[in-house]
Amino acid sequence: MASSSRNANMYAVMQETNGKEYESWLYFIKYTGNEEALKHLQSQIETVDWYILDDLSTFDLDLDNLVSEQTASEMITLNLNHVSNHRKFDGKMQMIDLGLKETYSNDKNIVRVFKKLGIGHIDDYVEDEDVFVHDMGSDEEDDDEESSGTEYEYDISDDSSSSDEEDEEIKSKKSTMERLKEELKKRKEQKEKERIEREREIERQKEADRKREKERKEKEKAKEKKRR
């Protein structure tokens, strides 16, 4: 492990791999200041025997191989995924209790982790996301995708052996994934608005500081003139 001085601007990487979307998403979390929270989360994640369960996700957290802030910033600019791009968090991370128990089955623990962290919900526990806005294409392209009926569709028509109960379960999972995707989109939009507002507030503060400094210098000049 690198020394604490070298870790000042280093990031741990958590990976979520989703069985429904066939995608992996990397979450870059600032290491310094979050060491205990990250170690606590890793200790829980490592108790699970991970595999892709239905449409849920697997999780892994690497604390041995940290990456630089530059690498993390560059990674979130990649536009390779369909559902979510990689994400970077610069703020404080909460202590996360996943609620896992040895008495639970492995599958139940997988479900519990997914309910806490699945589809990007790590952002419920880490502050200050560094949002990079991607060009997601025109509205016309989005309309074409929606009208095609291929996105988030399950082909169940040819499965004559499926029971009504199984069909309902599939439809329920489809609805849940659509809702989670919409929630993720809204959260990203909200965080982008918050980022823009923070930048505006910083600029307003800088302008106020410049104004005060100008007034101070003018007062000093006035006093100097009086002394002369």
Protein backbone atom coordinates (compact mmCIF):
# COMPACT_ATOMS: atom_id res chain seq x y z
CA MET A 1 0.00 0.00 0.00
CA ALA A 2 1.30 3.46 -0.81
CA SER A 3 2.18 5.86 2.00
CA SER A 4 -0.38 8.34 3.32
CA SER A 5 1.43 11.25 1.64
CA ARG A 6 1.20 9.55 -1.73
CA ASN A 7 -2.45 8.66 -1.11
CA ALA A 8 -3.46 12.31 -0.68
CA ASN A 9 -4.96 12.47 -4.16
CA MET A 10 -5.43 8.76 -4.84
CA TYR A 11 -8.71 6.96 -5.47
CA ALA A 12 -10.02 3.52 -4.60
CA VAL A 13 -12.04 1.74 -7.27
CA MET A 14 -15.29 -0.12 -6.77
CA GLN A 15 -16.69 -2.13 -9.66
CA GLU A 16 -20.34 -3.00 -10.19
CA THR A 17 -21.17 -5.56 -12.88
CA ASN A 18 -24.84 -5.84 -13.77
CA GLY A 19 -26.45 -9.02 -15.10
CA LYS A 20 -29.32 -7.25 -16.85
CA GLU A 21 -27.29 -4.64 -18.69
CA TYR A 22 -24.14 -6.73 -19.34
CA GLU A 23 -22.11 -3.71 -18.23
CA SER A 24 -19.49 -2.95 -15.60
CA TRP A 25 -19.38 0.45 -13.92
CA LEU A 26 -16.36 1.79 -12.04
CA TYR A 27 -16.77 4.14 -9.09
CA PHE A 28 -13.65 6.11 -8.18
CA ILE A 29 -13.80 7.12 -4.50
CA LYS A 30 -11.25 9.43 -2.89
CA TYR A 31 -9.14 7.35 -0.52
CA THR A 32 -7.80 9.94 1.92
CA GLY A 33 -10.32 10.68 4.63
CA ASN A 34 -12.42 7.67 3.67
CA GLU A 35 -10.02 4.89 4.64
CA GLU A 36 -12.12 3.44 7.45
CA ALA A 37 -15.40 3.65 5.56
CA LEU A 38 -13.83 1.96 2.52
CA LYS A 39 -12.24 -0.80 4.60
CA HIS A 40 -15.55 -1.39 6.39
CA LEU A 41 -17.38 -1.70 3.06
CA GLN A 42 -14.71 -3.97 1.58
CA SER A 43 -14.81 -6.31 4.59
CA GLN A 44 -18.54 -6.83 4.02
CA ILE A 45 -18.33 -7.21 0.24
CA GLU A 46 -15.64 -9.88 0.61
CA THR A 47 -17.94 -12.10 2.70
CA VAL A 48 -20.16 -12.73 -0.33
CA ASP A 49 -19.50 -15.48 -2.88
CA TRP A 50 -20.24 -13.34 -5.91
CA TYR A 51 -21.87 -14.48 -9.14
CA ILE A 52 -24.46 -12.92 -11.45
CA LEU A 53 -27.83 -13.63 -9.86
CA ASP A 54 -30.68 -12.95 -12.30
CA ASP A 55 -30.66 -9.23 -13.16
CA LEU A 56 -28.70 -8.14 -10.10
CA SER A 57 -25.10 -6.96 -9.76
CA THR A 58 -21.79 -8.17 -8.39
CA PHE A 59 -19.45 -5.83 -6.50
CA ASP A 60 -15.73 -5.65 -5.87
CA LEU A 61 -13.65 -2.98 -4.13
CA ASP A 62 -9.90 -2.67 -4.67
CA LEU A 63 -7.99 -0.87 -1.91
CA ASP A 64 -4.57 -2.27 -2.78
CA ASN A 65 -4.20 -0.67 -6.19
CA LEU A 66 -5.16 2.99 -5.93
CA VAL A 67 -5.28 5.24 -8.99
CA SER A 68 -4.37 8.88 -9.38
CA GLU A 69 -6.88 11.71 -9.54
CA GLN A 70 -5.85 12.30 -13.16
CA THR A 71 -6.58 8.68 -14.05
CA ALA A 72 -9.96 8.80 -12.30
CA SER A 73 -10.84 12.06 -14.08
CA GLU A 74 -9.86 10.62 -17.45
CA MET A 75 -11.79 7.39 -16.88
CA ILE A 76 -15.12 9.18 -16.33
CA THR A 77 -14.79 10.84 -19.74
CA LEU A 78 -15.03 7.46 -21.48
CA ASN A 79 -18.35 6.98 -23.23
CA LEU A 80 -18.44 3.21 -23.69
CA ASN A 81 -21.50 2.10 -21.75
CA HIS A 82 -25.17 2.34 -22.62
CA VAL A 83 -26.71 2.73 -19.16
CA SER A 84 -24.09 4.52 -17.04
CA ASN A 85 -20.54 5.74 -17.46
CA HIS A 86 -17.83 5.47 -14.84
CA ARG A 87 -18.15 7.93 -11.95
CA LYS A 88 -15.81 9.81 -9.58
CA PHE A 89 -16.47 10.99 -6.03
CA ASP A 90 -14.28 13.57 -4.28
CA GLY A 91 -16.09 13.95 -0.96
CA LYS A 92 -16.72 12.26 2.36
CA MET A 93 -18.02 8.69 2.40
CA GLN A 94 -20.43 7.44 5.05
CA MET A 95 -20.00 4.19 6.95
CA ILE A 96 -22.22 1.72 5.09
CA ASP A 97 -23.88 -1.21 6.83
CA LEU A 98 -25.05 -3.70 4.22
CA GLY A 99 -26.97 -5.76 6.79
CA LEU A 100 -25.35 -9.06 5.85
CA LYS A 101 -25.56 -12.05 8.18
CA GLU A 102 -23.85 -15.43 8.26
CA THR A 103 -27.25 -17.03 8.84
CA TYR A 104 -28.51 -15.66 5.52
CA SER A 105 -28.07 -17.62 2.33
CA ASN A 106 -25.46 -16.33 -0.12
CA ASP A 107 -28.20 -15.33 -2.56
CA LYS A 108 -30.00 -13.34 0.12
CA ASN A 109 -26.82 -11.43 0.90
CA ILE A 110 -26.36 -10.68 -2.81
CA VAL A 111 -29.87 -9.24 -2.89
CA ARG A 112 -29.23 -7.14 0.22
CA VAL A 113 -26.08 -5.61 -1.24
CA PHE A 114 -27.90 -4.85 -4.49
CA LYS A 115 -30.73 -3.10 -2.64
CA LYS A 116 -28.17 -0.84 -0.95
CA LEU A 117 -25.69 -0.19 -3.75
CA GLY A 118 -27.20 -1.48 -7.00
CA ILE A 119 -27.40 0.63 -10.18
CA GLY A 120 -25.12 3.36 -8.87
CA HIS A 121 -26.66 3.83 -5.43
CA ILE A 122 -23.17 4.25 -3.99
CA ASP A 123 -23.89 7.94 -4.61
CA ASP A 124 -26.29 7.83 -1.66
CA TYR A 125 -23.27 7.45 0.61
CA VAL A 126 -20.49 9.54 -0.97
CA GLU A 127 -20.49 13.32 -1.40
CA ASP A 128 -19.22 15.61 -4.15
CA GLU A 129 -19.51 13.64 -7.36
CA ASP A 130 -17.31 15.01 -10.13
CA VAL A 131 -19.85 14.90 -12.96
CA PHE A 132 -18.67 14.74 -16.54
CA VAL A 133 -21.52 15.46 -18.97
CA HIS A 134 -21.52 13.23 -22.03
CA ASP A 135 -23.25 13.97 -25.31
CA MET A 136 -25.90 11.26 -25.22
CA GLY A 137 -27.14 11.90 -28.76
CA SER A 138 -30.17 13.70 -30.15
CA ASP A 139 -33.74 13.40 -28.92
CA GLU A 140 -34.61 11.93 -32.28
CA GLU A 141 -32.18 9.07 -31.69
CA ASP A 142 -33.67 8.50 -28.23
CA ASP A 143 -37.16 8.41 -29.74
CA ASP A 144 -36.01 5.83 -32.29
CA GLU A 145 -34.63 3.64 -29.50
CA GLU A 146 -37.86 3.87 -27.55
CA SER A 147 -40.01 3.13 -30.56
CA SER A 148 -37.91 0.13 -31.54
CA GLY A 149 -39.07 -1.69 -28.41
CA THR A 150 -35.64 -3.31 -27.95
CA GLU A 151 -34.41 -1.45 -24.88
CA TYR A 152 -35.15 -3.33 -21.66
CA GLU A 153 -37.30 -5.84 -23.48
CA TYR A 154 -37.46 -9.50 -22.56
CA ASP A 155 -38.47 -11.96 -25.27
CA ILE A 156 -40.84 -14.29 -23.47
CA SER A 157 -43.22 -15.05 -26.32
CA ASP A 158 -41.33 -18.15 -27.49
CA ASP A 159 -40.99 -19.72 -24.07
CA SER A 160 -44.06 -21.90 -24.08
CA SER A 161 -42.95 -23.61 -20.87
CA SER A 162 -42.98 -20.39 -18.85
CA SER A 163 -45.74 -20.14 -16.31
CA ASP A 164 -47.80 -17.03 -15.73
CA GLU A 165 -45.95 -16.57 -12.45
CA GLU A 166 -42.56 -16.62 -14.18
CA ASP A 167 -43.78 -14.14 -16.79
CA GLU A 168 -44.99 -11.79 -14.08
CA GLU A 169 -41.62 -12.06 -12.30
CA ILE A 170 -39.80 -11.16 -15.51
CA LYS A 171 -42.09 -8.19 -16.11
CA SER A 172 -41.58 -7.05 -12.53
CA LYS A 173 -37.79 -7.18 -12.92
CA LYS A 174 -38.04 -5.26 -16.17
CA SER A 175 -40.12 -2.57 -14.48
CA THR A 176 -37.67 -2.33 -11.59
CA MET A 177 -34.66 -1.91 -13.89
CA GLU A 178 -36.44 0.76 -15.92
CA ARG A 179 -37.28 2.63 -12.73
CA LEU A 180 -33.72 2.38 -11.43
CA LYS A 181 -32.34 3.65 -14.72
CA GLU A 182 -34.70 6.62 -14.62
CA GLU A 183 -33.71 7.34 -11.00
CA LEU A 184 -30.03 7.24 -11.97
CA LYS A 185 -30.67 9.66 -14.82
CA LYS A 186 -32.52 12.06 -12.52
CA ARG A 187 -29.79 11.86 -9.87
CA LYS A 188 -27.11 12.66 -12.43
CA GLU A 189 -29.12 15.62 -13.73
CA GLN A 190 -29.65 16.90 -10.18
CA LYS A 191 -25.98 16.52 -9.31
CA GLU A 192 -25.04 18.41 -12.48
CA LYS A 193 -27.39 21.24 -11.46
CA GLU A 194 -25.82 21.27 -8.00
CA ARG A 195 -22.32 21.36 -9.50
CA ILE A 196 -23.24 24.31 -11.72
CA GLU A 197 -24.79 26.13 -8.76
CA ARG A 198 -21.65 25.50 -6.66
CA GLU A 199 -19.50 26.94 -9.44
CA ARG A 200 -21.76 29.99 -9.66
CA GLU A 201 -21.61 30.47 -5.90
CA ILE A 202 -17.81 30.25 -5.97
CA GLU A 203 -17.72 32.82 -8.76
CA ARG A 204 -20.07 35.12 -6.80
CA GLN A 205 -17.81 34.78 -3.77
CA LYS A 206 -14.75 35.59 -5.85
CA GLU A 207 -16.48 38.64 -7.28
CA ALA A 208 -17.42 39.79 -3.78
CA ASP A 209 -13.82 39.28 -2.64
CA ARG A 210 -12.53 41.28 -5.61
CA LYS A 211 -14.97 44.08 -4.80
CA ARG A 212 -13.91 44.17 -1.15
CA GLU A 213 -10.25 44.19 -2.15
CA LYS A 214 -10.86 47.05 -4.56
CA GLU A 215 -12.67 49.03 -1.84
CA ARG A 216 -9.85 48.36 0.60
CA LYS A 217 -7.24 49.64 -1.85
CA GLU A 218 -9.31 52.72 -2.61
CA LYS A 219 -9.58 53.48 1.13
CA GLU A 220 -5.83 53.06 1.53
CA LYS A 221 -5.23 55.45 -1.37
CA ALA A 222 -7.62 57.97 0.16
CA LYS A 223 -5.84 57.75 3.52
CA GLU A 224 -2.49 58.16 1.80
CA LYS A 225 -3.69 61.29 0.02
CA LYS A 226 -4.90 62.78 3.32
CA ARG A 227 -1.53 62.15 4.95
CA ARG A 228 0.17 63.98 2.08
